[in-house]
Amino acid sequence: MDEAKPEHGLTRLRSTLRLLYHGSSTTALRFQFAVLLVDLAIIAFFIATPLLRDRPSFIWIDIAVAVLLVADLVARALASTDPLRWLRQPTTIVDIFILITLLLPAWLANFGFLRILRLWTLSKSGVLWRPLKKFKLTQYREQGEAIVNIVTFLFLVSGFVLTFFGSTDTGIEGYVDALYFTVTSVTTTGYGDVTLPGTAGRLTSIAVMIVGITLFVRLAQSLFRPHKVFFPCPQCGLQRHEPDAVHCKACGHVLNIPDPGN
């Protein structure tokens, strides 16, 4: 009987966490909103990292963020019905790598700019869009995802440029210059006085322009193409359908799309 108690306690803990992370009760929604606020604060810290790195308090904030990420990853693993499958998901792998950069800053300092990918993992996990569902605004999720992708890309490239080109004689003297270079590359409006030197710099500029234009095209498509509802098909998983669709256009499965007016 004594050996069964710890297992029973773990089972109850996993059930509680599953309800908090994936439930729709008032308590669960409040918990999810609190987690989202913490995640957004962490992302803000990641964006500001190049500006805070030289401050004495930076290392303690870095450690505190690492502790929060450890707690979040452990809780999500316990809340998952299949922890091994959850562990193999790309978003989980990215979060684990971000955690490693926090735990080993001296060895992985050059990869710190990848921490902004936490914003992308939040978008893909759906956590960022749950408030839209609560306020019946799920029709804007696609546009939101496109905006998140562009914002993530801008800060990701800015961090990369600052890390690998900021110490050379390129005219880049700070994070604002790196962000300025990224925005002018993505929008192909010209570089002005901020350019990257050598072949590596030119290749970086070309890659930024190609990927950036692709992301802007996707954003434009999401803004101007006909509206579709977000409703995962139970049969094949197709997520976007016509508002009045009765059958999934991919597999023919009967759909029961909720009426947004109810």
C-alpha atoms as a PDB file:
ATOM      1  CA  MET A   1       0.000   0.000   0.000  1.00  0.00           C
ATOM      2  CA  ASP A   2       2.833   2.414   0.822  1.00  0.00           C
ATOM      3  CA  GLU A   3       4.402   1.898  -2.595  1.00  0.00           C
ATOM      4  CA  ALA A   4       1.167   2.821  -4.340  1.00  0.00           C
ATOM      5  CA  LYS A   5       0.851   6.208  -2.625  1.00  0.00           C
ATOM      6  CA  PRO A   6       3.632   8.005  -4.553  1.00  0.00           C
ATOM      7  CA  GLU A   7       2.261   6.690  -7.857  1.00  0.00           C
ATOM      8  CA  HIS A   8      -1.238   7.786  -6.905  1.00  0.00           C
ATOM      9  CA  GLY A   9       0.085  11.234  -5.973  1.00  0.00           C
ATOM     10  CA  LEU A  10       1.946  11.564  -9.281  1.00  0.00           C
ATOM     11  CA  THR A  11      -1.146  10.529 -11.210  1.00  0.00           C
ATOM     12  CA  ARG A  12      -3.234  13.150  -9.439  1.00  0.00           C
ATOM     13  CA  LEU A  13      -0.547  15.796 -10.070  1.00  0.00           C
ATOM     14  CA  ARG A  14      -0.466  14.947 -13.779  1.00  0.00           C
ATOM     15  CA  SER A  15      -4.247  15.112 -13.960  1.00  0.00           C
ATOM     16  CA  THR A  16      -4.284  18.510 -12.248  1.00  0.00           C
ATOM     17  CA  LEU A  17      -1.603  19.911 -14.547  1.00  0.00           C
ATOM     18  CA  ARG A  18      -3.413  18.540 -17.598  1.00  0.00           C
ATOM     19  CA  LEU A  19      -6.583  20.339 -16.558  1.00  0.00           C
ATOM     20  CA  LEU A  20      -4.684  23.570 -15.915  1.00  0.00           C
ATOM     21  CA  TYR A  21      -2.721  23.579 -19.173  1.00  0.00           C
ATOM     22  CA  HIS A  22      -5.418  22.225 -21.485  1.00  0.00           C
ATOM     23  CA  GLY A  23      -8.725  22.789 -19.701  1.00  0.00           C
ATOM     24  CA  SER A  24     -11.344  25.447 -20.360  1.00  0.00           C
ATOM     25  CA  SER A  25     -12.589  26.096 -16.825  1.00  0.00           C
ATOM     26  CA  THR A  26     -12.272  29.527 -15.260  1.00  0.00           C
ATOM     27  CA  THR A  27      -9.354  28.390 -13.098  1.00  0.00           C
ATOM     28  CA  ALA A  28      -7.592  26.841 -16.091  1.00  0.00           C
ATOM     29  CA  LEU A  29      -8.067  29.951 -18.218  1.00  0.00           C
ATOM     30  CA  ARG A  30      -6.676  32.158 -15.468  1.00  0.00           C
ATOM     31  CA  PHE A  31      -3.699  29.844 -15.084  1.00  0.00           C
ATOM     32  CA  GLN A  32      -3.078  29.808 -18.856  1.00  0.00           C
ATOM     33  CA  PHE A  33      -3.310  33.595 -18.993  1.00  0.00           C
ATOM     34  CA  ALA A  34      -0.799  33.912 -16.139  1.00  0.00           C
ATOM     35  CA  VAL A  35       1.574  31.511 -17.905  1.00  0.00           C
ATOM     36  CA  LEU A  36       1.192  33.514 -21.110  1.00  0.00           C
ATOM     37  CA  LEU A  37       2.086  36.763 -19.313  1.00  0.00           C
ATOM     38  CA  VAL A  38       5.199  35.128 -17.841  1.00  0.00           C
ATOM     39  CA  ASP A  39       6.167  33.809 -21.278  1.00  0.00           C
ATOM     40  CA  LEU A  40       5.755  37.238 -22.848  1.00  0.00           C
ATOM     41  CA  ALA A  41       7.895  38.774 -20.092  1.00  0.00           C
ATOM     42  CA  ILE A  42      10.576  36.149 -20.785  1.00  0.00           C
ATOM     43  CA  ILE A  43      10.454  36.937 -24.502  1.00  0.00           C
ATOM     44  CA  ALA A  44      10.815  40.660 -23.727  1.00  0.00           C
ATOM     45  CA  PHE A  45      13.916  39.777 -21.684  1.00  0.00           C
ATOM     46  CA  PHE A  46      15.318  37.758 -24.598  1.00  0.00           C
ATOM     47  CA  ILE A  47      14.787  40.699 -26.966  1.00  0.00           C
ATOM     48  CA  ALA A  48      16.484  43.089 -24.537  1.00  0.00           C
ATOM     49  CA  THR A  49      19.353  40.689 -23.727  1.00  0.00           C
ATOM     50  CA  PRO A  50      21.935  42.469 -25.940  1.00  0.00           C
ATOM     51  CA  LEU A  51      21.209  45.692 -24.060  1.00  0.00           C
ATOM     52  CA  LEU A  52      21.288  44.090 -20.591  1.00  0.00           C
ATOM     53  CA  ARG A  53      24.208  41.676 -20.942  1.00  0.00           C
ATOM     54  CA  ASP A  54      26.760  44.013 -19.327  1.00  0.00           C
ATOM     55  CA  ARG A  55      24.606  44.842 -16.297  1.00  0.00           C
ATOM     56  CA  PRO A  56      25.535  43.170 -12.952  1.00  0.00           C
ATOM     57  CA  SER A  57      21.972  41.901 -12.456  1.00  0.00           C
ATOM     58  CA  PHE A  58      21.856  40.159 -15.840  1.00  0.00           C
ATOM     59  CA  ILE A  59      23.217  36.815 -14.639  1.00  0.00           C
ATOM     60  CA  TRP A  60      20.611  36.605 -11.864  1.00  0.00           C
ATOM     61  CA  ILE A  61      17.769  37.376 -14.262  1.00  0.00           C
ATOM     62  CA  ASP A  62      19.212  34.779 -16.609  1.00  0.00           C
ATOM     63  CA  ILE A  63      19.188  32.164 -13.834  1.00  0.00           C
ATOM     64  CA  ALA A  64      15.640  33.091 -12.788  1.00  0.00           C
ATOM     65  CA  VAL A  65      14.423  32.690 -16.377  1.00  0.00           C
ATOM     66  CA  ALA A  66      16.169  29.307 -16.592  1.00  0.00           C
ATOM     67  CA  VAL A  67      14.374  28.168 -13.432  1.00  0.00           C
ATOM     68  CA  LEU A  68      11.028  29.277 -14.851  1.00  0.00           C
ATOM     69  CA  LEU A  69      11.664  27.407 -18.109  1.00  0.00           C
ATOM     70  CA  VAL A  70      12.681  24.254 -16.237  1.00  0.00           C
ATOM     71  CA  ALA A  71       9.482  24.410 -14.178  1.00  0.00           C
ATOM     72  CA  ASP A  72       7.388  25.008 -17.298  1.00  0.00           C
ATOM     73  CA  LEU A  73       8.976  22.153 -19.268  1.00  0.00           C
ATOM     74  CA  VAL A  74       8.623  19.702 -16.376  1.00  0.00           C
ATOM     75  CA  ALA A  75       5.000  20.716 -15.823  1.00  0.00           C
ATOM     76  CA  ARG A  76       4.182  20.380 -19.538  1.00  0.00           C
ATOM     77  CA  ALA A  77       5.853  16.965 -19.662  1.00  0.00           C
ATOM     78  CA  LEU A  78       3.749  15.787 -16.715  1.00  0.00           C
ATOM     79  CA  ALA A  79       0.609  17.264 -18.274  1.00  0.00           C
ATOM     80  CA  SER A  80       1.204  15.440 -21.555  1.00  0.00           C
ATOM     81  CA  THR A  81      -0.620  12.146 -22.164  1.00  0.00           C
ATOM     82  CA  ASP A  82       2.429  10.901 -24.109  1.00  0.00           C
ATOM     83  CA  PRO A  83       5.629  12.500 -22.698  1.00  0.00           C
ATOM     84  CA  LEU A  84       7.925  10.775 -25.213  1.00  0.00           C
ATOM     85  CA  ARG A  85       5.902  12.046 -28.151  1.00  0.00           C
ATOM     86  CA  TRP A  86       5.807  15.510 -26.569  1.00  0.00           C
ATOM     87  CA  LEU A  87       9.596  15.381 -26.158  1.00  0.00           C
ATOM     88  CA  ARG A  88      10.081  14.714 -29.879  1.00  0.00           C
ATOM     89  CA  GLN A  89       8.033  17.700 -31.009  1.00  0.00           C
ATOM     90  CA  PRO A  90      10.072  20.479 -32.724  1.00  0.00           C
ATOM     91  CA  THR A  91       8.713  23.140 -30.366  1.00  0.00           C
ATOM     92  CA  THR A  92       9.841  21.142 -27.331  1.00  0.00           C
ATOM     93  CA  ILE A  93      13.297  20.573 -28.814  1.00  0.00           C
ATOM     94  CA  VAL A  94      13.654  24.309 -29.446  1.00  0.00           C
ATOM     95  CA  ASP A  95      12.576  25.118 -25.873  1.00  0.00           C
ATOM     96  CA  ILE A  96      15.112  22.636 -24.489  1.00  0.00           C
ATOM     97  CA  PHE A  97      17.869  24.207 -26.573  1.00  0.00           C
ATOM     98  CA  ILE A  98      16.848  27.655 -25.307  1.00  0.00           C
ATOM     99  CA  LEU A  99      17.085  26.307 -21.764  1.00  0.00           C
ATOM    100  CA  ILE A 100      20.596  24.971 -22.467  1.00  0.00           C
ATOM    101  CA  THR A 101      21.718  28.419 -23.664  1.00  0.00           C
ATOM    102  CA  LEU A 102      20.493  29.815 -20.345  1.00  0.00           C
ATOM    103  CA  LEU A 103      22.236  27.150 -18.280  1.00  0.00           C
ATOM    104  CA  LEU A 104      25.529  27.364 -20.202  1.00  0.00           C
ATOM    105  CA  PRO A 105      25.840  31.027 -21.182  1.00  0.00           C
ATOM    106  CA  ALA A 106      29.648  31.013 -21.173  1.00  0.00           C
ATOM    107  CA  TRP A 107      29.854  28.197 -23.741  1.00  0.00           C
ATOM    108  CA  LEU A 108      26.801  29.037 -25.839  1.00  0.00           C
ATOM    109  CA  ALA A 109      26.927  32.834 -25.788  1.00  0.00           C
ATOM    110  CA  ASN A 110      27.003  32.996 -29.598  1.00  0.00           C
ATOM    111  CA  PHE A 111      23.698  31.123 -29.777  1.00  0.00           C
ATOM    112  CA  GLY A 112      21.841  33.392 -27.373  1.00  0.00           C
ATOM    113  CA  PHE A 113      20.054  35.132 -30.257  1.00  0.00           C
ATOM    114  CA  LEU A 114      18.136  31.875 -30.857  1.00  0.00           C
ATOM    115  CA  ARG A 115      16.210  32.416 -27.628  1.00  0.00           C
ATOM    116  CA  ILE A 116      13.711  34.593 -29.492  1.00  0.00           C
ATOM    117  CA  LEU A 117      12.457  31.347 -31.051  1.00  0.00           C
ATOM    118  CA  ARG A 118      10.502  30.988 -27.804  1.00  0.00           C
ATOM    119  CA  LEU A 119       7.970  33.335 -29.413  1.00  0.00           C
ATOM    120  CA  TRP A 120       7.645  30.922 -32.350  1.00  0.00           C
ATOM    121  CA  THR A 121       7.156  27.910 -30.055  1.00  0.00           C
ATOM    122  CA  LEU A 122       4.418  29.786 -28.181  1.00  0.00           C
ATOM    123  CA  SER A 123       2.679  30.476 -31.469  1.00  0.00           C
ATOM    124  CA  LYS A 124       2.887  26.870 -32.641  1.00  0.00           C
ATOM    125  CA  SER A 125       1.762  25.439 -29.303  1.00  0.00           C
ATOM    126  CA  GLY A 126      -1.443  27.487 -29.464  1.00  0.00           C
ATOM    127  CA  VAL A 127      -0.900  29.138 -26.077  1.00  0.00           C
ATOM    128  CA  LEU A 128      -0.669  32.553 -27.696  1.00  0.00           C
ATOM    129  CA  TRP A 129      -4.058  32.196 -29.380  1.00  0.00           C
ATOM    130  CA  ARG A 130      -6.261  30.920 -26.556  1.00  0.00           C
ATOM    131  CA  PRO A 131      -7.426  34.447 -25.639  1.00  0.00           C
ATOM    132  CA  LEU A 132      -8.732  34.767 -29.211  1.00  0.00           C
ATOM    133  CA  LYS A 133     -10.882  31.685 -28.689  1.00  0.00           C
ATOM    134  CA  LYS A 134     -12.260  33.090 -25.452  1.00  0.00           C
ATOM    135  CA  PHE A 135     -13.322  36.336 -27.144  1.00  0.00           C
ATOM    136  CA  LYS A 136     -14.514  34.515 -30.321  1.00  0.00           C
ATOM    137  CA  LEU A 137     -11.805  36.064 -32.494  1.00  0.00           C
ATOM    138  CA  THR A 138     -10.267  32.858 -33.848  1.00  0.00           C
ATOM    139  CA  GLN A 139     -10.706  34.142 -37.411  1.00  0.00           C
ATOM    140  CA  TYR A 140      -7.695  36.387 -36.790  1.00  0.00           C
ATOM    141  CA  ARG A 141      -5.358  33.567 -35.797  1.00  0.00           C
ATOM    142  CA  GLU A 142      -3.822  33.161 -39.254  1.00  0.00           C
ATOM    143  CA  GLN A 143      -2.961  36.851 -39.458  1.00  0.00           C
ATOM    144  CA  GLY A 144      -1.561  36.702 -35.929  1.00  0.00           C
ATOM    145  CA  GLU A 145       0.658  33.739 -36.806  1.00  0.00           C
ATOM    146  CA  ALA A 146       1.984  35.563 -39.873  1.00  0.00           C
ATOM    147  CA  ILE A 147       2.814  38.636 -37.765  1.00  0.00           C
ATOM    148  CA  VAL A 148       4.517  36.499 -35.114  1.00  0.00           C
ATOM    149  CA  ASN A 149       6.618  34.802 -37.799  1.00  0.00           C
ATOM    150  CA  ILE A 150       7.815  38.163 -39.140  1.00  0.00           C
ATOM    151  CA  VAL A 151       8.544  39.601 -35.684  1.00  0.00           C
ATOM    152  CA  THR A 152      10.431  36.444 -34.698  1.00  0.00           C
ATOM    153  CA  PHE A 153      12.447  36.568 -37.915  1.00  0.00           C
ATOM    154  CA  LEU A 154      13.325  40.256 -37.482  1.00  0.00           C
ATOM    155  CA  PHE A 155      14.668  39.836 -33.958  1.00  0.00           C
ATOM    156  CA  LEU A 156      16.319  36.505 -34.801  1.00  0.00           C
ATOM    157  CA  VAL A 157      18.275  38.038 -37.668  1.00  0.00           C
ATOM    158  CA  SER A 158      19.034  41.171 -35.629  1.00  0.00           C
ATOM    159  CA  GLY A 159      20.556  39.010 -32.904  1.00  0.00           C
ATOM    160  CA  PHE A 160      22.525  37.014 -35.469  1.00  0.00           C
ATOM    161  CA  VAL A 161      23.909  40.171 -37.107  1.00  0.00           C
ATOM    162  CA  LEU A 162      24.831  41.702 -33.757  1.00  0.00           C
ATOM    163  CA  THR A 163      26.533  38.471 -32.619  1.00  0.00           C
ATOM    164  CA  PHE A 164      28.568  37.680 -35.707  1.00  0.00           C
ATOM    165  CA  PHE A 165      29.092  41.099 -37.316  1.00  0.00           C
ATOM    166  CA  GLY A 166      28.753  43.616 -34.496  1.00  0.00           C
ATOM    167  CA  SER A 167      32.364  43.355 -33.365  1.00  0.00           C
ATOM    168  CA  THR A 168      33.789  44.030 -36.822  1.00  0.00           C
ATOM    169  CA  ASP A 169      34.228  47.348 -38.608  1.00  0.00           C
ATOM    170  CA  THR A 170      30.799  47.382 -40.242  1.00  0.00           C
ATOM    171  CA  GLY A 171      29.196  50.497 -38.787  1.00  0.00           C
ATOM    172  CA  ILE A 172      26.943  48.352 -36.566  1.00  0.00           C
ATOM    173  CA  GLU A 173      27.366  49.783 -33.099  1.00  0.00           C
ATOM    174  CA  GLY A 174      24.312  48.484 -31.319  1.00  0.00           C
ATOM    175  CA  TYR A 175      21.148  46.518 -31.436  1.00  0.00           C
ATOM    176  CA  VAL A 176      19.206  49.309 -33.117  1.00  0.00           C
ATOM    177  CA  ASP A 177      21.661  49.322 -36.015  1.00  0.00           C
ATOM    178  CA  ALA A 178      21.321  45.548 -36.343  1.00  0.00           C
ATOM    179  CA  LEU A 179      17.529  45.823 -36.337  1.00  0.00           C
ATOM    180  CA  TYR A 180      17.728  48.668 -38.859  1.00  0.00           C
ATOM    181  CA  PHE A 181      19.846  46.511 -41.175  1.00  0.00           C
ATOM    182  CA  THR A 182      17.351  43.632 -40.837  1.00  0.00           C
ATOM    183  CA  VAL A 183      14.306  45.770 -41.596  1.00  0.00           C
ATOM    184  CA  THR A 184      15.940  47.414 -44.633  1.00  0.00           C
ATOM    185  CA  SER A 185      17.000  43.978 -45.929  1.00  0.00           C
ATOM    186  CA  VAL A 186      13.573  42.429 -45.472  1.00  0.00           C
ATOM    187  CA  THR A 187      11.775  45.367 -47.086  1.00  0.00           C
ATOM    188  CA  THR A 188      14.530  45.818 -49.737  1.00  0.00           C
ATOM    189  CA  THR A 189      14.424  49.586 -49.207  1.00  0.00           C
ATOM    190  CA  GLY A 190      18.210  50.003 -49.208  1.00  0.00           C
ATOM    191  CA  TYR A 191      20.846  49.901 -46.506  1.00  0.00           C
ATOM    192  CA  GLY A 192      22.002  53.476 -46.087  1.00  0.00           C
ATOM    193  CA  ASP A 193      25.119  53.516 -43.916  1.00  0.00           C
ATOM    194  CA  VAL A 194      24.664  50.026 -42.355  1.00  0.00           C
ATOM    195  CA  THR A 195      26.037  47.117 -44.413  1.00  0.00           C
ATOM    196  CA  LEU A 196      27.737  43.787 -43.712  1.00  0.00           C
ATOM    197  CA  PRO A 197      31.276  43.240 -45.026  1.00  0.00           C
ATOM    198  CA  GLY A 198      32.671  40.503 -47.216  1.00  0.00           C
ATOM    199  CA  THR A 199      31.124  37.497 -48.905  1.00  0.00           C
ATOM    200  CA  ALA A 200      29.523  36.268 -45.680  1.00  0.00           C
ATOM    201  CA  GLY A 201      27.809  39.632 -45.262  1.00  0.00           C
ATOM    202  CA  ARG A 202      26.455  39.594 -48.806  1.00  0.00           C
ATOM    203  CA  LEU A 203      25.185  36.021 -48.451  1.00  0.00           C
ATOM    204  CA  THR A 204      23.519  36.976 -45.157  1.00  0.00           C
ATOM    205  CA  SER A 205      21.822  39.933 -46.834  1.00  0.00           C
ATOM    206  CA  ILE A 206      20.563  37.759 -49.709  1.00  0.00           C
ATOM    207  CA  ALA A 207      19.182  35.122 -47.322  1.00  0.00           C
ATOM    208  CA  VAL A 208      17.455  37.764 -45.196  1.00  0.00           C
ATOM    209  CA  MET A 209      15.831  39.351 -48.250  1.00  0.00           C
ATOM    210  CA  ILE A 210      14.582  36.036 -49.674  1.00  0.00           C
ATOM    211  CA  VAL A 211      13.121  34.750 -46.405  1.00  0.00           C
ATOM    212  CA  GLY A 212      11.779  38.170 -45.420  1.00  0.00           C
ATOM    213  CA  ILE A 213       9.956  38.686 -48.709  1.00  0.00           C
ATOM    214  CA  THR A 214       8.427  35.215 -48.367  1.00  0.00           C
ATOM    215  CA  LEU A 215       7.125  36.061 -44.904  1.00  0.00           C
ATOM    216  CA  PHE A 216       5.694  39.383 -46.095  1.00  0.00           C
ATOM    217  CA  VAL A 217       3.923  37.641 -48.986  1.00  0.00           C
ATOM    218  CA  ARG A 218       2.412  35.166 -46.547  1.00  0.00           C
ATOM    219  CA  LEU A 219       1.242  38.015 -44.321  1.00  0.00           C
ATOM    220  CA  ALA A 220      -0.356  39.749 -47.307  1.00  0.00           C
ATOM    221  CA  GLN A 221      -2.114  36.525 -48.296  1.00  0.00           C
ATOM    222  CA  SER A 222      -3.497  36.057 -44.796  1.00  0.00           C
ATOM    223  CA  LEU A 223      -4.788  39.630 -44.759  1.00  0.00           C
ATOM    224  CA  PHE A 224      -6.447  39.752 -48.171  1.00  0.00           C
ATOM    225  CA  ARG A 225      -7.508  36.228 -49.146  1.00  0.00           C
ATOM    226  CA  PRO A 226     -11.053  35.028 -48.326  1.00  0.00           C
ATOM    227  CA  HIS A 227     -11.741  34.374 -44.672  1.00  0.00           C
ATOM    228  CA  LYS A 228     -11.613  30.783 -43.446  1.00  0.00           C
ATOM    229  CA  VAL A 229     -12.486  29.401 -40.019  1.00  0.00           C
ATOM    230  CA  PHE A 230      -9.986  27.588 -37.836  1.00  0.00           C
ATOM    231  CA  PHE A 231     -11.420  24.163 -36.990  1.00  0.00           C
ATOM    232  CA  PRO A 232      -9.212  21.019 -36.982  1.00  0.00           C
ATOM    233  CA  CYS A 233     -10.824  18.143 -38.878  1.00  0.00           C
ATOM    234  CA  PRO A 234     -11.179  15.124 -36.543  1.00  0.00           C
ATOM    235  CA  GLN A 235     -10.292  12.785 -39.406  1.00  0.00           C
ATOM    236  CA  CYS A 236      -7.297  14.278 -41.234  1.00  0.00           C
ATOM    237  CA  GLY A 237      -6.388  17.340 -39.134  1.00  0.00           C
ATOM    238  CA  LEU A 238      -6.946  19.993 -41.825  1.00  0.00           C
ATOM    239  CA  GLN A 239      -7.374  23.185 -39.804  1.00  0.00           C
ATOM    240  CA  ARG A 240      -8.861  25.811 -42.143  1.00  0.00           C
ATOM    241  CA  HIS A 241     -12.230  25.493 -43.829  1.00  0.00           C
ATOM    242  CA  GLU A 242     -14.851  27.644 -45.477  1.00  0.00           C
ATOM    243  CA  PRO A 243     -17.210  29.208 -42.899  1.00  0.00           C
ATOM    244  CA  ASP A 244     -20.185  27.223 -44.240  1.00  0.00           C
ATOM    245  CA  ALA A 245     -18.314  23.956 -44.918  1.00  0.00           C
ATOM    246  CA  VAL A 246     -20.209  20.757 -44.108  1.00  0.00           C
ATOM    247  CA  HIS A 247     -17.534  18.299 -45.240  1.00  0.00           C
ATOM    248  CA  CYS A 248     -13.750  18.478 -45.047  1.00  0.00           C
ATOM    249  CA  LYS A 249     -12.425  19.225 -48.539  1.00  0.00           C
ATOM    250  CA  ALA A 250      -9.385  17.003 -47.907  1.00  0.00           C
ATOM    251  CA  CYS A 251     -10.977  13.780 -46.640  1.00  0.00           C
ATOM    252  CA  GLY A 252     -14.737  14.330 -46.846  1.00  0.00           C
ATOM    253  CA  HIS A 253     -15.310  13.894 -43.116  1.00  0.00           C
ATOM    254  CA  VAL A 254     -18.502  15.497 -41.793  1.00  0.00           C
ATOM    255  CA  LEU A 255     -17.676  18.719 -39.931  1.00  0.00           C
ATOM    256  CA  ASN A 256     -19.537  20.332 -37.077  1.00  0.00           C
ATOM    257  CA  ILE A 257     -18.116  23.844 -37.159  1.00  0.00           C
ATOM    258  CA  PRO A 258     -19.553  25.971 -34.324  1.00  0.00           C
ATOM    259  CA  ASP A 259     -21.579  28.994 -35.339  1.00  0.00           C
ATOM    260  CA  PRO A 260     -19.543  32.086 -34.311  1.00  0.00           C
ATOM    261  CA  GLY A 261     -22.801  33.824 -33.492  1.00  0.00           C
ATOM    262  CA  ASN A 262     -23.628  31.359 -30.682  1.00  0.00           C
END
